[in-house]
Amino acid sequence: MNDQPPAESEQAKLWNGPSGQAWIDLQETFDRALQPLEDLLVDAVAAQPAHQVLDVGCGTGATTLAIARQLASRGRCVGIDISNPMIAVARARAEREGSRAQFVRVDVQTHAFEPAAFDSFVSRFGVMFFDAPLQAFANLRRAARADAAMHFVAWRSPAENPFMTTAERAAAPLLSALPVRAPDAPGQFAFADPERVRSILQGSGWTDIHIQPIDVTCTMSESDLSRYYARLGPVGRALRDVDEPTRARVLATLHEAFAPYVHGDAVRFAAACWMIGARAPRKG
């Protein structure tokens, strides 16, 4: 599997630009905060006789590396992502760790995967950003061996994840150009509707689909909170283009809005997600 230059979609521009760099800068923060969800995916792989695992939308590689540790010499885990800078960080992490994990930059929607190459697929918040999700999951299904398992975690609705929408709700009166999230559009909450997810998976050839709600408590350092809301999401993108007085007013407003989540030197929030599973068709 060779590196493939990302297409010039809006998502490719974001994750090969400032959004990707912001995630890289906050890598350790997100790795700690999302550890409970990573553990669920590692456990799902461990519960099956998986040997060839594909981590879709791997970002900076935390889940790929964790699965590679679990597999040890029994198999391999390949992480793929559209972001060149994030893949570069993941490769550097693997080299430092002496990991067998591999990382490749591809667009899942169009990449010519080797047919029937993988017996397990995972993703931690990496599959909601497809411009053409039906095409992407059909492409993954062609890369799947018969009866291959898929497990991925996606956010439920914005209403069920108030921490994730606090910044835009608080900043909206101060940022006139703040975009409104469009339902089903590529982004964090694209898979909020479980029936839409089921339709995509069924339409792309996956079977035995199950969608389970999970609620997980996540934690980050209080010292990292302002970097999180100032650089990521709709507000983080909007703040790149405002004058300094406006930026200062927004940041002061956000500091107050996030106060209920701060407990001493820690920030705690509930992640309301779907744990989604499916299988490639069995032979015969």
Protein backbone atom coordinates (compact mmCIF):
# COMPACT_ATOMS: atom_id res chain seq x y z
CA MET A 1 0.00 0.00 0.00
CA ASN A 2 1.65 3.21 -1.18
CA ASP A 3 1.12 6.81 -0.13
CA GLN A 4 -1.56 8.55 -2.17
CA PRO A 5 -1.73 12.36 -2.36
CA PRO A 6 -5.02 13.51 -0.79
CA ALA A 7 -7.71 14.90 -3.07
CA GLU A 8 -8.39 18.62 -2.80
CA SER A 9 -11.62 18.23 -0.83
CA GLU A 10 -12.53 20.55 2.02
CA GLN A 11 -11.68 17.80 4.52
CA ALA A 12 -8.29 17.20 2.87
CA LYS A 13 -7.52 20.91 3.11
CA LEU A 14 -8.51 21.02 6.77
CA TRP A 15 -6.53 17.98 7.91
CA ASN A 16 -3.47 18.79 5.82
CA GLY A 17 -3.60 22.37 7.12
CA PRO A 18 -4.30 24.13 10.43
CA SER A 19 -6.74 21.57 11.84
CA GLY A 20 -4.26 18.76 11.35
CA GLN A 21 -1.49 20.81 12.94
CA ALA A 22 -3.71 21.71 15.89
CA TRP A 23 -4.45 18.01 16.47
CA ILE A 24 -0.72 17.24 16.29
CA ASP A 25 0.05 19.95 18.85
CA LEU A 26 -2.61 18.52 21.18
CA GLN A 27 -1.81 14.88 20.47
CA GLU A 28 -0.94 13.92 24.04
CA THR A 29 -4.05 15.67 25.36
CA PHE A 30 -6.35 13.77 23.00
CA ASP A 31 -4.56 10.47 23.55
CA ARG A 32 -5.22 10.74 27.29
CA ALA A 33 -8.80 12.00 26.92
CA LEU A 34 -9.84 9.34 24.41
CA GLN A 35 -7.99 6.42 26.03
CA PRO A 36 -11.21 4.72 27.24
CA LEU A 37 -12.54 4.60 23.67
CA GLU A 38 -9.23 3.34 22.33
CA ASP A 39 -9.35 0.55 24.93
CA LEU A 40 -12.78 -0.55 23.67
CA LEU A 41 -11.44 -0.95 20.14
CA VAL A 42 -8.33 -2.81 21.28
CA ASP A 43 -10.54 -5.17 23.29
CA ALA A 44 -12.80 -5.73 20.27
CA VAL A 45 -9.82 -6.77 18.15
CA ALA A 46 -8.43 -8.95 20.92
CA ALA A 47 -11.75 -10.81 21.21
CA GLN A 48 -11.45 -12.10 17.63
CA PRO A 49 -8.78 -14.02 15.73
CA ALA A 50 -7.65 -10.89 13.88
CA HIS A 51 -4.25 -10.83 12.19
CA GLN A 52 -4.52 -8.10 9.54
CA VAL A 53 -6.08 -4.93 11.00
CA LEU A 54 -6.80 -1.62 9.26
CA ASP A 55 -7.25 1.52 11.40
CA VAL A 56 -9.27 4.01 9.34
CA GLY A 57 -8.64 7.71 9.93
CA CYS A 58 -5.81 6.88 12.32
CA GLY A 59 -4.66 10.48 12.89
CA THR A 60 -1.42 10.52 14.85
CA GLY A 61 -1.55 6.77 15.42
CA ALA A 62 -2.49 6.08 19.04
CA THR A 63 -5.05 3.35 18.32
CA THR A 64 -2.94 1.77 15.58
CA LEU A 65 0.03 1.54 17.92
CA ALA A 66 -2.08 0.10 20.75
CA ILE A 67 -3.48 -2.62 18.48
CA ALA A 68 -0.01 -3.39 17.12
CA ARG A 69 1.17 -3.93 20.70
CA GLN A 70 -1.74 -6.29 21.34
CA LEU A 71 -1.09 -8.25 18.14
CA ALA A 72 2.67 -8.38 18.71
CA SER A 73 4.17 -10.82 16.20
CA ARG A 74 0.80 -12.50 15.45
CA GLY A 75 -0.19 -9.91 12.85
CA ARG A 76 0.02 -6.34 11.69
CA CYS A 77 -1.97 -3.14 12.09
CA VAL A 78 -1.94 -0.51 9.32
CA GLY A 79 -3.12 3.03 10.03
CA ILE A 80 -4.42 5.15 7.17
CA ASP A 81 -5.35 8.82 7.06
CA ILE A 82 -5.80 11.64 4.56
CA SER A 83 -3.51 13.95 6.57
CA ASN A 84 0.14 13.91 5.53
CA PRO A 85 1.43 15.74 8.64
CA MET A 86 -0.50 13.46 10.99
CA ILE A 87 0.78 10.35 9.22
CA ALA A 88 4.32 11.72 9.52
CA VAL A 89 3.86 12.07 13.30
CA ALA A 90 2.42 8.55 13.53
CA ARG A 91 5.40 7.10 11.67
CA ALA A 92 7.81 8.91 13.98
CA ARG A 93 5.98 7.54 17.02
CA ALA A 94 6.17 4.00 15.62
CA GLU A 95 9.89 4.37 14.95
CA ARG A 96 10.57 5.62 18.48
CA GLU A 97 8.58 2.73 19.93
CA GLY A 98 10.07 0.10 17.65
CA SER A 99 6.52 -0.78 16.64
CA ARG A 100 5.48 -3.08 13.80
CA ALA A 101 2.62 -0.67 13.00
CA GLN A 102 2.59 0.80 9.50
CA PHE A 103 1.14 4.14 8.43
CA VAL A 104 0.03 5.15 4.94
CA ARG A 105 -1.52 8.34 3.62
CA VAL A 106 -4.53 7.52 1.45
CA ASP A 107 -8.03 8.72 0.64
CA VAL A 108 -10.21 5.80 1.74
CA GLN A 109 -12.89 6.77 -0.77
CA THR A 110 -10.69 6.22 -3.83
CA HIS A 111 -7.64 4.16 -2.82
CA ALA A 112 -7.13 0.87 -4.70
CA PHE A 113 -6.79 -1.47 -1.71
CA GLU A 114 -5.56 -5.00 -2.24
CA PRO A 115 -8.72 -7.14 -2.37
CA ALA A 116 -9.47 -9.23 0.72
CA ALA A 117 -6.36 -7.94 2.51
CA PHE A 118 -7.76 -7.34 6.03
CA ASP A 119 -9.73 -9.39 8.53
CA SER A 120 -10.49 -6.53 10.94
CA PHE A 121 -11.27 -2.82 10.65
CA VAL A 122 -11.36 -0.22 13.41
CA SER A 123 -11.80 3.53 13.68
CA ARG A 124 -11.82 5.96 16.58
CA PHE A 125 -13.70 9.01 15.26
CA GLY A 126 -12.09 8.66 11.84
CA VAL A 127 -15.00 7.72 9.58
CA MET A 128 -17.34 10.72 9.97
CA PHE A 129 -15.38 12.95 7.60
CA PHE A 130 -16.03 11.20 4.28
CA ASP A 131 -17.53 13.33 1.53
CA ALA A 132 -18.89 10.09 0.02
CA PRO A 133 -19.41 7.65 2.91
CA LEU A 134 -21.21 5.02 0.81
CA GLN A 135 -18.26 4.93 -1.58
CA ALA A 136 -15.75 4.82 1.28
CA PHE A 137 -17.40 1.89 3.08
CA ALA A 138 -17.88 0.00 -0.19
CA ASN A 139 -14.17 0.42 -0.84
CA LEU A 140 -13.34 -0.87 2.64
CA ARG A 141 -15.64 -3.84 2.10
CA ARG A 142 -13.70 -4.78 -1.05
CA ALA A 143 -10.54 -4.76 1.09
CA ALA A 144 -12.17 -7.12 3.59
CA ARG A 145 -11.78 -10.85 3.78
CA ALA A 146 -14.93 -12.95 4.06
CA ASP A 147 -16.51 -12.46 7.51
CA ALA A 148 -14.07 -9.66 8.42
CA ALA A 149 -15.21 -7.62 11.42
CA MET A 150 -15.53 -3.85 11.61
CA HIS A 151 -15.69 -1.85 14.86
CA PHE A 152 -15.81 1.91 15.02
CA VAL A 153 -16.71 4.68 17.44
CA ALA A 154 -18.63 7.77 16.31
CA TRP A 155 -20.21 10.67 18.18
CA ARG A 156 -23.93 10.69 18.87
CA SER A 157 -25.87 13.95 18.52
CA PRO A 158 -24.66 17.46 19.41
CA ALA A 159 -27.44 17.68 22.02
CA GLU A 160 -26.03 14.61 23.78
CA ASN A 161 -22.50 16.05 23.72
CA PRO A 162 -22.78 19.52 25.27
CA PHE A 163 -19.04 19.73 26.01
CA MET A 164 -18.31 19.40 22.29
CA THR A 165 -20.68 22.23 21.39
CA THR A 166 -20.04 24.60 24.31
CA ALA A 167 -17.52 26.69 22.37
CA GLU A 168 -19.76 27.43 19.40
CA ARG A 169 -22.85 28.08 21.52
CA ALA A 170 -20.97 30.52 23.76
CA ALA A 171 -19.05 32.23 20.95
CA ALA A 172 -21.93 32.55 18.45
CA PRO A 173 -23.03 36.03 19.64
CA LEU A 174 -19.45 37.30 19.19
CA LEU A 175 -18.59 35.64 15.86
CA SER A 176 -21.04 36.64 13.14
CA ALA A 177 -19.45 34.35 10.55
CA LEU A 178 -19.46 31.22 12.71
CA PRO A 179 -20.81 28.42 10.48
CA VAL A 180 -23.78 26.36 11.55
CA ARG A 181 -23.20 22.61 11.55
CA ALA A 182 -25.26 20.97 8.80
CA PRO A 183 -26.84 17.61 9.71
CA ASP A 184 -25.20 14.66 7.92
CA ALA A 185 -22.42 16.88 6.51
CA PRO A 186 -18.84 15.56 6.82
CA GLY A 187 -17.65 16.35 10.32
CA GLN A 188 -17.81 15.40 13.95
CA PHE A 189 -21.54 14.59 14.12
CA ALA A 190 -22.05 13.17 10.63
CA PHE A 191 -22.97 9.76 12.08
CA ALA A 192 -25.27 11.02 14.82
CA ASP A 193 -28.32 9.40 13.19
CA PRO A 194 -28.02 5.62 13.69
CA GLU A 195 -30.48 4.86 10.88
CA ARG A 196 -28.32 6.83 8.46
CA VAL A 197 -25.29 4.83 9.60
CA ARG A 198 -27.18 1.57 9.15
CA SER A 199 -28.28 2.62 5.66
CA ILE A 200 -24.70 3.50 4.66
CA LEU A 201 -23.31 0.20 5.90
CA GLN A 202 -26.07 -1.88 4.34
CA GLY A 203 -25.79 0.02 1.06
CA SER A 204 -22.04 -0.57 0.90
CA GLY A 205 -22.30 -4.32 1.40
CA TRP A 206 -21.75 -4.81 5.15
CA THR A 207 -23.88 -7.21 7.18
CA ASP A 208 -24.65 -8.10 10.84
CA ILE A 209 -24.79 -4.41 11.73
CA HIS A 210 -25.19 -3.48 15.39
CA ILE A 211 -25.21 0.01 16.84
CA GLN A 212 -24.88 0.40 20.60
CA PRO A 213 -24.94 3.66 22.58
CA ILE A 214 -22.02 4.08 24.97
CA ASP A 215 -21.26 6.87 27.43
CA VAL A 216 -17.68 7.30 28.52
CA THR A 217 -16.12 9.82 30.91
CA CYS A 218 -13.09 11.54 29.37
CA THR A 219 -10.49 13.67 31.13
CA MET A 220 -7.98 16.28 30.07
CA SER A 221 -5.71 18.68 31.94
CA GLU A 222 -7.19 22.07 32.81
CA SER A 223 -4.02 23.66 31.42
CA ASP A 224 -4.84 22.20 27.97
CA LEU A 225 -8.47 23.31 27.86
CA SER A 226 -7.93 26.76 26.36
CA ARG A 227 -5.67 25.35 23.65
CA TYR A 228 -8.41 22.88 22.77
CA TYR A 229 -11.26 25.35 22.32
CA ALA A 230 -9.09 28.06 20.75
CA ARG A 231 -7.73 25.90 17.94
CA LEU A 232 -10.21 23.18 16.99
CA GLY A 233 -13.76 22.99 15.72
CA PRO A 234 -15.80 25.80 14.13
CA VAL A 235 -14.66 28.34 16.74
CA GLY A 236 -11.01 27.44 16.40
CA ARG A 237 -11.24 27.92 12.63
CA ALA A 238 -13.12 31.22 12.99
CA LEU A 239 -10.58 32.61 15.46
CA ARG A 240 -7.83 32.39 12.85
CA ASP A 241 -9.39 35.31 10.98
CA VAL A 242 -10.52 37.75 13.69
CA ASP A 243 -8.79 40.80 15.16
CA GLU A 244 -7.07 40.58 18.53
CA PRO A 245 -9.76 42.40 20.59
CA THR A 246 -12.45 40.04 19.25
CA ARG A 247 -10.24 37.04 19.92
CA ALA A 248 -9.68 38.20 23.52
CA ARG A 249 -13.44 38.65 24.11
CA VAL A 250 -14.22 35.23 22.69
CA LEU A 251 -11.56 33.49 24.77
CA ALA A 252 -12.77 35.20 27.96
CA THR A 253 -16.33 34.10 27.18
CA LEU A 254 -15.22 30.53 26.53
CA HIS A 255 -13.21 30.40 29.74
CA GLU A 256 -16.40 31.14 31.66
CA ALA A 257 -18.57 28.80 29.55
CA PHE A 258 -16.31 25.80 30.20
CA ALA A 259 -16.03 26.44 33.95
CA PRO A 260 -18.64 23.76 34.88
CA TYR A 261 -16.38 21.08 33.40
CA VAL A 262 -13.31 22.11 35.40
CA HIS A 263 -12.62 20.21 38.62
CA GLY A 264 -9.38 21.40 40.16
CA ASP A 265 -6.62 20.79 37.64
CA ALA A 266 -8.72 18.36 35.56
CA VAL A 267 -11.47 18.75 32.99
CA ARG A 268 -14.06 15.97 32.82
CA PHE A 269 -16.76 15.49 30.22
CA ALA A 270 -19.07 12.75 29.00
CA ALA A 271 -18.55 11.38 25.50
CA ALA A 272 -21.89 10.16 24.14
CA CYS A 273 -20.99 7.82 21.29
CA TRP A 274 -22.08 4.92 19.16
CA MET A 275 -20.09 1.69 19.20
CA ILE A 276 -20.82 0.34 15.74
CA GLY A 277 -20.04 -3.13 14.48
CA ALA A 278 -20.52 -4.92 11.16
CA ARG A 279 -19.16 -7.81 9.13
CA ALA A 280 -18.19 -8.44 5.55
CA PRO A 281 -20.37 -11.09 3.88
CA ARG A 282 -19.44 -14.68 4.54
CA LYS A 283 -18.46 -16.97 1.71
CA GLY A 284 -21.28 -18.83 0.06
